[in-house]
Amino acid sequence: AILDSSDTVRVGLDACAICGHQGYYQDGKNVIC
């Protein structure tokens, strides 16, 4: 979960349909697979 620049809550699974459940991390203002 993260709050975007418009202060909207964004939620998703820590997984994607392509890469599976490897997850994500944040690097500065970016979320990275």
PDB file of all heavy atoms in Angstrom:
ATOM      1  N   ALA A   1       0.856  -1.188   0.000  1.00  0.00           N
ATOM      2  CA  ALA A   1       0.000   0.000   0.000  1.00  0.00           C
ATOM      3  C   ALA A   1       0.888   1.233   0.000  1.00  0.00           C
ATOM      4  O   ALA A   1       1.960   1.254   0.619  1.00  0.00           O
ATOM      5  CB  ALA A   1      -0.913   0.007   1.219  1.00  0.00           C
ATOM      6  N   ILE A   2       0.433   2.253  -0.713  1.00  0.00           N
ATOM      7  CA  ILE A   2       1.177   3.499  -0.804  1.00  0.00           C
ATOM      8  C   ILE A   2       0.193   4.633  -1.078  1.00  0.00           C
ATOM      9  O   ILE A   2      -0.854   4.415  -1.686  1.00  0.00           O
ATOM     10  CB  ILE A   2       2.271   3.422  -1.900  1.00  0.00           C
ATOM     11  CG1 ILE A   2       3.243   4.591  -1.806  1.00  0.00           C
ATOM     12  CG2 ILE A   2       1.662   3.271  -3.277  1.00  0.00           C
ATOM     13  CD1 ILE A   2       4.513   4.420  -2.648  1.00  0.00           C
ATOM     14  N   LEU A   3       0.504   5.797  -0.635  1.00  0.00           N
ATOM     15  CA  LEU A   3      -0.284   6.998  -0.913  1.00  0.00           C
ATOM     16  C   LEU A   3       0.369   7.687  -2.098  1.00  0.00           C
ATOM     17  O   LEU A   3       1.564   7.981  -2.066  1.00  0.00           O
ATOM     18  CB  LEU A   3      -0.264   7.903   0.321  1.00  0.00           C
ATOM     19  CG  LEU A   3      -1.360   8.934   0.473  1.00  0.00           C
ATOM     20  CD1 LEU A   3      -2.730   8.276   0.558  1.00  0.00           C
ATOM     21  CD2 LEU A   3      -1.106   9.767   1.714  1.00  0.00           C
ATOM     22  N   ASP A   4      -0.403   7.908  -3.178  1.00  0.00           N
ATOM     23  CA  ASP A   4       0.189   8.547  -4.356  1.00  0.00           C
ATOM     24  C   ASP A   4       0.271  10.061  -4.171  1.00  0.00           C
ATOM     25  O   ASP A   4      -0.121  10.594  -3.134  1.00  0.00           O
ATOM     26  CB  ASP A   4      -0.525   8.127  -5.646  1.00  0.00           C
ATOM     27  CG  ASP A   4      -1.916   8.719  -5.822  1.00  0.00           C
ATOM     28  OD1 ASP A   4      -2.291   9.673  -5.109  1.00  0.00           O
ATOM     29  OD2 ASP A   4      -2.644   8.217  -6.701  1.00  0.00           O
ATOM     30  N   SER A   5       0.764  10.756  -5.174  1.00  0.00           N
ATOM     31  CA  SER A   5       0.989  12.206  -5.057  1.00  0.00           C
ATOM     32  C   SER A   5      -0.310  13.008  -4.919  1.00  0.00           C
ATOM     33  O   SER A   5      -0.286  14.154  -4.481  1.00  0.00           O
ATOM     34  CB  SER A   5       1.806  12.717  -6.249  1.00  0.00           C
ATOM     35  OG  SER A   5       1.099  12.476  -7.441  1.00  0.00           O
ATOM     36  N   SER A   6      -1.460  12.404  -5.272  1.00  0.00           N
ATOM     37  CA  SER A   6      -2.742  13.084  -5.091  1.00  0.00           C
ATOM     38  C   SER A   6      -3.404  12.673  -3.773  1.00  0.00           C
ATOM     39  O   SER A   6      -4.578  12.956  -3.549  1.00  0.00           O
ATOM     40  CB  SER A   6      -3.687  12.789  -6.266  1.00  0.00           C
ATOM     41  OG  SER A   6      -4.116  11.435  -6.219  1.00  0.00           O
ATOM     42  N   ASP A   7      -2.633  11.994  -2.917  1.00  0.00           N
ATOM     43  CA  ASP A   7      -3.104  11.496  -1.619  1.00  0.00           C
ATOM     44  C   ASP A   7      -4.206  10.451  -1.742  1.00  0.00           C
ATOM     45  O   ASP A   7      -5.064  10.315  -0.878  1.00  0.00           O
ATOM     46  CB  ASP A   7      -3.533  12.632  -0.692  1.00  0.00           C
ATOM     47  CG  ASP A   7      -2.344  13.447  -0.202  1.00  0.00           C
ATOM     48  OD1 ASP A   7      -1.228  12.899  -0.154  1.00  0.00           O
ATOM     49  OD2 ASP A   7      -2.530  14.633   0.129  1.00  0.00           O
ATOM     50  N   THR A   8      -4.161   9.671  -2.817  1.00  0.00           N
ATOM     51  CA  THR A   8      -5.075   8.553  -3.014  1.00  0.00           C
ATOM     52  C   THR A   8      -4.374   7.275  -2.576  1.00  0.00           C
ATOM     53  O   THR A   8      -3.226   7.039  -2.951  1.00  0.00           O
ATOM     54  CB  THR A   8      -5.484   8.439  -4.498  1.00  0.00           C
ATOM     55  OG1 THR A   8      -6.116   9.658  -4.897  1.00  0.00           O
ATOM     56  CG2 THR A   8      -6.423   7.273  -4.734  1.00  0.00           C
ATOM     57  N   VAL A   9      -5.072   6.475  -1.784  1.00  0.00           N
ATOM     58  CA  VAL A   9      -4.517   5.201  -1.340  1.00  0.00           C
ATOM     59  C   VAL A   9      -4.492   4.233  -2.518  1.00  0.00           C
ATOM     60  O   VAL A   9      -5.490   4.065  -3.214  1.00  0.00           O
ATOM     61  CB  VAL A   9      -5.355   4.614  -0.179  1.00  0.00           C
ATOM     62  CG1 VAL A   9      -4.875   3.213   0.187  1.00  0.00           C
ATOM     63  CG2 VAL A   9      -5.316   5.536   1.031  1.00  0.00           C
ATOM     64  N   ARG A  10      -3.349   3.609  -2.754  1.00  0.00           N
ATOM     65  CA  ARG A  10      -3.173   2.600  -3.801  1.00  0.00           C
ATOM     66  C   ARG A  10      -2.755   1.304  -3.129  1.00  0.00           C
ATOM     67  O   ARG A  10      -1.807   1.287  -2.336  1.00  0.00           O
ATOM     68  CB  ARG A  10      -2.099   3.029  -4.806  1.00  0.00           C
ATOM     69  CG  ARG A  10      -2.350   4.361  -5.451  1.00  0.00           C
ATOM     70  CD  ARG A  10      -3.570   4.322  -6.337  1.00  0.00           C
ATOM     71  NE  ARG A  10      -3.821   5.638  -6.910  1.00  0.00           N
ATOM     72  CZ  ARG A  10      -4.770   5.879  -7.788  1.00  0.00           C
ATOM     73  NH1 ARG A  10      -5.573   4.920  -8.190  1.00  0.00           N
ATOM     74  NH2 ARG A  10      -4.937   7.098  -8.260  1.00  0.00           N
ATOM     75  N   VAL A  11      -3.459   0.220  -3.446  1.00  0.00           N
ATOM     76  CA  VAL A  11      -3.217  -1.074  -2.810  1.00  0.00           C
ATOM     77  C   VAL A  11      -3.176  -2.156  -3.884  1.00  0.00           C
ATOM     78  O   VAL A  11      -3.951  -2.124  -4.837  1.00  0.00           O
ATOM     79  CB  VAL A  11      -4.324  -1.391  -1.781  1.00  0.00           C
ATOM     80  CG1 VAL A  11      -4.111  -2.764  -1.152  1.00  0.00           C
ATOM     81  CG2 VAL A  11      -4.389  -0.316  -0.709  1.00  0.00           C
ATOM     82  N   GLY A  12      -2.290  -3.109  -3.722  1.00  0.00           N
ATOM     83  CA  GLY A  12      -2.218  -4.261  -4.608  1.00  0.00           C
ATOM     84  C   GLY A  12      -1.522  -5.401  -3.891  1.00  0.00           C
ATOM     85  O   GLY A  12      -1.004  -5.231  -2.782  1.00  0.00           O
ATOM     86  N   LEU A  13      -1.508  -6.546  -4.525  1.00  0.00           N
ATOM     87  CA  LEU A  13      -0.759  -7.668  -3.967  1.00  0.00           C
ATOM     88  C   LEU A  13       0.722  -7.429  -4.189  1.00  0.00           C
ATOM     89  O   LEU A  13       1.121  -6.738  -5.134  1.00  0.00           O
ATOM     90  CB  LEU A  13      -1.182  -8.970  -4.643  1.00  0.00           C
ATOM     91  CG  LEU A  13      -2.630  -9.393  -4.444  1.00  0.00           C
ATOM     92  CD1 LEU A  13      -2.890 -10.714  -5.157  1.00  0.00           C
ATOM     93  CD2 LEU A  13      -2.978  -9.495  -2.966  1.00  0.00           C
ATOM     94  N   ASP A  14       1.544  -8.013  -3.343  1.00  0.00           N
ATOM     95  CA  ASP A  14       3.002  -7.939  -3.502  1.00  0.00           C
ATOM     96  C   ASP A  14       3.411  -9.041  -4.474  1.00  0.00           C
ATOM     97  O   ASP A  14       4.272  -9.878  -4.193  1.00  0.00           O
ATOM     98  CB  ASP A  14       3.680  -8.091  -2.143  1.00  0.00           C
ATOM     99  CG  ASP A  14       5.134  -7.652  -2.154  1.00  0.00           C
ATOM    100  OD1 ASP A  14       5.529  -6.897  -3.070  1.00  0.00           O
ATOM    101  OD2 ASP A  14       5.875  -8.059  -1.242  1.00  0.00           O
ATOM    102  N   ALA A  15       2.725  -9.044  -5.637  1.00  0.00           N
ATOM    103  CA  ALA A  15       2.925 -10.057  -6.679  1.00  0.00           C
ATOM    104  C   ALA A  15       2.348  -9.517  -7.981  1.00  0.00           C
ATOM    105  O   ALA A  15       1.489  -8.640  -7.967  1.00  0.00           O
ATOM    106  CB  ALA A  15       2.208 -11.347  -6.301  1.00  0.00           C
ATOM    107  N   CYS A  16       2.840 -10.056  -9.091  1.00  0.00           N
ATOM    108  CA  CYS A  16       2.262  -9.672 -10.382  1.00  0.00           C
ATOM    109  C   CYS A  16       2.037 -10.913 -11.235  1.00  0.00           C
ATOM    110  O   CYS A  16       2.601 -11.973 -10.978  1.00  0.00           O
ATOM    111  CB  CYS A  16       3.137  -8.653 -11.101  1.00  0.00           C
ATOM    112  SG  CYS A  16       4.511  -9.318 -12.039  1.00  0.00           S
ATOM    113  N   ALA A  17       1.193 -10.762 -12.252  1.00  0.00           N
ATOM    114  CA  ALA A  17       0.833 -11.887 -13.120  1.00  0.00           C
ATOM    115  C   ALA A  17       2.019 -12.360 -13.960  1.00  0.00           C
ATOM    116  O   ALA A  17       2.051 -13.513 -14.381  1.00  0.00           O
ATOM    117  CB  ALA A  17      -0.334 -11.493 -14.014  1.00  0.00           C
ATOM    118  N   ILE A  18       2.994 -11.523 -14.200  1.00  0.00           N
ATOM    119  CA  ILE A  18       4.133 -11.878 -15.046  1.00  0.00           C
ATOM    120  C   ILE A  18       5.269 -12.502 -14.225  1.00  0.00           C
ATOM    121  O   ILE A  18       5.759 -13.576 -14.546  1.00  0.00           O
ATOM    122  CB  ILE A  18       4.656 -10.636 -15.808  1.00  0.00           C
ATOM    123  CG1 ILE A  18       3.579 -10.108 -16.748  1.00  0.00           C
ATOM    124  CG2 ILE A  18       5.927 -10.972 -16.577  1.00  0.00           C
ATOM    125  CD1 ILE A  18       3.900  -8.754 -17.366  1.00  0.00           C
ATOM    126  N   CYS A  19       5.684 -11.829 -13.169  1.00  0.00           N
ATOM    127  CA  CYS A  19       6.872 -12.249 -12.410  1.00  0.00           C
ATOM    128  C   CYS A  19       6.557 -13.089 -11.170  1.00  0.00           C
ATOM    129  O   CYS A  19       7.475 -13.532 -10.492  1.00  0.00           O
ATOM    130  CB  CYS A  19       7.684 -11.028 -11.998  1.00  0.00           C
ATOM    131  SG  CYS A  19       8.404 -10.151 -13.408  1.00  0.00           S
ATOM    132  N   GLY A  20       5.288 -13.273 -10.860  1.00  0.00           N
ATOM    133  CA  GLY A  20       4.941 -14.065  -9.684  1.00  0.00           C
ATOM    134  C   GLY A  20       5.044 -13.277  -8.395  1.00  0.00           C
ATOM    135  O   GLY A  20       4.850 -12.063  -8.378  1.00  0.00           O
ATOM    136  N   HIS A  21       5.385 -13.969  -7.325  1.00  0.00           N
ATOM    137  CA  HIS A  21       5.359 -13.344  -5.997  1.00  0.00           C
ATOM    138  C   HIS A  21       6.738 -12.873  -5.524  1.00  0.00           C
ATOM    139  O   HIS A  21       7.040 -12.890  -4.332  1.00  0.00           O
ATOM    140  CB  HIS A  21       4.709 -14.279  -4.970  1.00  0.00           C
ATOM    141  CG  HIS A  21       5.364 -15.612  -4.857  1.00  0.00           C
ATOM    142  ND1 HIS A  21       6.463 -15.820  -4.085  1.00  0.00           N
ATOM    143  CD2 HIS A  21       5.049 -16.804  -5.417  1.00  0.00           C
ATOM    144  CE1 HIS A  21       6.820 -17.086  -4.173  1.00  0.00           C
ATOM    145  NE2 HIS A  21       5.976 -17.704  -4.975  1.00  0.00           N
ATOM    146  N   GLN A  22       7.562 -12.404  -6.452  1.00  0.00           N
ATOM    147  CA  GLN A  22       8.866 -11.849  -6.083  1.00  0.00           C
ATOM    148  C   GLN A  22       8.711 -10.551  -5.291  1.00  0.00           C
ATOM    149  O   GLN A  22       9.540 -10.226  -4.466  1.00  0.00           O
ATOM    150  CB  GLN A  22       9.725 -11.606  -7.321  1.00  0.00           C
ATOM    151  CG  GLN A  22      10.027 -12.868  -8.101  1.00  0.00           C
ATOM    152  CD  GLN A  22      10.784 -13.880  -7.269  1.00  0.00           C
ATOM    153  OE1 GLN A  22      11.731 -13.538  -6.581  1.00  0.00           O
ATOM    154  NE2 GLN A  22      10.361 -15.124  -7.329  1.00  0.00           N
ATOM    155  N   GLY A  23       7.667  -9.788  -5.602  1.00  0.00           N
ATOM    156  CA  GLY A  23       7.365  -8.588  -4.844  1.00  0.00           C
ATOM    157  C   GLY A  23       7.989  -7.319  -5.398  1.00  0.00           C
ATOM    158  O   GLY A  23       8.578  -7.308  -6.484  1.00  0.00           O
ATOM    159  N   TYR A  24       7.859  -6.268  -4.618  1.00  0.00           N
ATOM    160  CA  TYR A  24       8.258  -4.919  -5.022  1.00  0.00           C
ATOM    161  C   TYR A  24       9.012  -4.233  -3.896  1.00  0.00           C
ATOM    162  O   TYR A  24       8.900  -4.603  -2.734  1.00  0.00           O
ATOM    163  CB  TYR A  24       7.013  -4.083  -5.355  1.00  0.00           C
ATOM    164  CG  TYR A  24       6.187  -4.686  -6.461  1.00  0.00           C
ATOM    165  CD1 TYR A  24       5.210  -5.628  -6.192  1.00  0.00           C
ATOM    166  CD2 TYR A  24       6.409  -4.331  -7.782  1.00  0.00           C
ATOM    167  CE1 TYR A  24       4.469  -6.202  -7.212  1.00  0.00           C
ATOM    168  CE2 TYR A  24       5.672  -4.900  -8.808  1.00  0.00           C
ATOM    169  CZ  TYR A  24       4.702  -5.836  -8.516  1.00  0.00           C
ATOM    170  OH  TYR A  24       3.981  -6.403  -9.523  1.00  0.00           O
ATOM    171  N   TYR A  25       9.753  -3.216  -4.269  1.00  0.00           N
ATOM    172  CA  TYR A  25      10.405  -2.347  -3.290  1.00  0.00           C
ATOM    173  C   TYR A  25      10.328  -0.928  -3.816  1.00  0.00           C
ATOM    174  O   TYR A  25       9.989  -0.695  -4.976  1.00  0.00           O
ATOM    175  CB  TYR A  25      11.860  -2.772  -3.029  1.00  0.00           C
ATOM    176  CG  TYR A  25      12.788  -2.599  -4.217  1.00  0.00           C
ATOM    177  CD1 TYR A  25      13.546  -1.444  -4.371  1.00  0.00           C
ATOM    178  CD2 TYR A  25      12.913  -3.604  -5.174  1.00  0.00           C
ATOM    179  CE1 TYR A  25      14.397  -1.289  -5.464  1.00  0.00           C
ATOM    180  CE2 TYR A  25      13.756  -3.458  -6.263  1.00  0.00           C
ATOM    181  CZ  TYR A  25      14.497  -2.299  -6.400  1.00  0.00           C
ATOM    182  OH  TYR A  25      15.333  -2.139  -7.476  1.00  0.00           O
ATOM    183  N   GLN A  26      10.629   0.027  -2.956  1.00  0.00           N
ATOM    184  CA  GLN A  26      10.602   1.427  -3.357  1.00  0.00           C
ATOM    185  C   GLN A  26      12.017   1.944  -3.493  1.00  0.00           C
ATOM    186  O   GLN A  26      12.871   1.677  -2.654  1.00  0.00           O
ATOM    187  CB  GLN A  26       9.834   2.266  -2.337  1.00  0.00           C
ATOM    188  CG  GLN A  26       9.659   3.704  -2.768  1.00  0.00           C
ATOM    189  CD  GLN A  26       8.745   4.485  -1.846  1.00  0.00           C
ATOM    190  OE1 GLN A  26       8.362   4.008  -0.785  1.00  0.00           O
ATOM    191  NE2 GLN A  26       8.393   5.691  -2.249  1.00  0.00           N
ATOM    192  N   ASP A  27      12.253   2.680  -4.581  1.00  0.00           N
ATOM    193  CA  ASP A  27      13.528   3.350  -4.814  1.00  0.00           C
ATOM    194  C   ASP A  27      13.189   4.799  -5.125  1.00  0.00           C
ATOM    195  O   ASP A  27      12.747   5.108  -6.230  1.00  0.00           O
ATOM    196  CB  ASP A  27      14.276   2.688  -5.966  1.00  0.00           C
ATOM    197  CG  ASP A  27      15.651   3.295  -6.203  1.00  0.00           C
ATOM    198  OD1 ASP A  27      16.159   3.989  -5.296  1.00  0.00           O
ATOM    199  OD2 ASP A  27      16.213   3.069  -7.288  1.00  0.00           O
ATOM    200  N   GLY A  28      13.359   5.662  -4.138  1.00  0.00           N
ATOM    201  CA  GLY A  28      12.980   7.067  -4.319  1.00  0.00           C
ATOM    202  C   GLY A  28      11.486   7.189  -4.534  1.00  0.00           C
ATOM    203  O   GLY A  28      10.696   6.698  -3.742  1.00  0.00           O
ATOM    204  N   LYS A  29      11.098   7.790  -5.652  1.00  0.00           N
ATOM    205  CA  LYS A  29       9.672   7.960  -5.947  1.00  0.00           C
ATOM    206  C   LYS A  29       9.125   6.850  -6.827  1.00  0.00           C
ATOM    207  O   LYS A  29       8.020   6.956  -7.350  1.00  0.00           O
ATOM    208  CB  LYS A  29       9.443   9.322  -6.605  1.00  0.00           C
ATOM    209  CG  LYS A  29       9.733  10.465  -5.663  1.00  0.00           C
ATOM    210  CD  LYS A  29       9.276  11.773  -6.236  1.00  0.00           C
ATOM    211  CE  LYS A  29       9.621  12.866  -5.252  1.00  0.00           C
ATOM    212  NZ  LYS A  29       8.567  13.788  -5.034  1.00  0.00           N
ATOM    213  N   ASN A  30       9.892   5.782  -6.988  1.00  0.00           N
ATOM    214  CA  ASN A  30       9.467   4.682  -7.844  1.00  0.00           C
ATOM    215  C   ASN A  30       9.249   3.403  -7.048  1.00  0.00           C
ATOM    216  O   ASN A  30       9.939   3.143  -6.066  1.00  0.00           O
ATOM    217  CB  ASN A  30      10.526   4.395  -8.916  1.00  0.00           C
ATOM    218  CG  ASN A  30      10.717   5.550  -9.850  1.00  0.00           C
ATOM    219  OD1 ASN A  30       9.755   6.128 -10.344  1.00  0.00           O
ATOM    220  ND2 ASN A  30      11.959   5.906 -10.100  1.00  0.00           N
ATOM    221  N   VAL A  31       8.287   2.604  -7.511  1.00  0.00           N
ATOM    222  CA  VAL A  31       8.102   1.246  -7.014  1.00  0.00           C
ATOM    223  C   VAL A  31       8.686   0.339  -8.094  1.00  0.00           C
ATOM    224  O   VAL A  31       8.414   0.514  -9.276  1.00  0.00           O
ATOM    225  CB  VAL A  31       6.606   0.951  -6.764  1.00  0.00           C
ATOM    226  CG1 VAL A  31       6.382  -0.510  -6.436  1.00  0.00           C
ATOM    227  CG2 VAL A  31       6.080   1.827  -5.628  1.00  0.00           C
ATOM    228  N   ILE A  32       9.510  -0.607  -7.675  1.00  0.00           N
ATOM    229  CA  ILE A  32      10.272  -1.446  -8.601  1.00  0.00           C
ATOM    230  C   ILE A  32       9.948  -2.919  -8.361  1.00  0.00           C
ATOM    231  O   ILE A  32       9.905  -3.377  -7.222  1.00  0.00           O
ATOM    232  CB  ILE A  32      11.798  -1.240  -8.393  1.00  0.00           C
ATOM    233  CG1 ILE A  32      12.180   0.235  -8.358  1.00  0.00           C
ATOM    234  CG2 ILE A  32      12.600  -2.039  -9.406  1.00  0.00           C
ATOM    235  CD1 ILE A  32      12.047   0.961  -9.657  1.00  0.00           C
ATOM    236  N   CYS A  33       9.780  -3.670  -9.460  1.00  0.00           N
ATOM    237  CA  CYS A  33       9.598  -5.121  -9.368  1.00  0.00           C
ATOM    238  C   CYS A  33      10.938  -5.752  -8.990  1.00  0.00           C
ATOM    239  O   CYS A  33      11.957  -5.476  -9.635  1.00  0.00           O
ATOM    240  CB  CYS A  33       9.108  -5.681 -10.707  1.00  0.00           C
ATOM    241  SG  CYS A  33       9.029  -7.489 -10.729  1.00  0.00           S
TER     242      CYS A  33
END
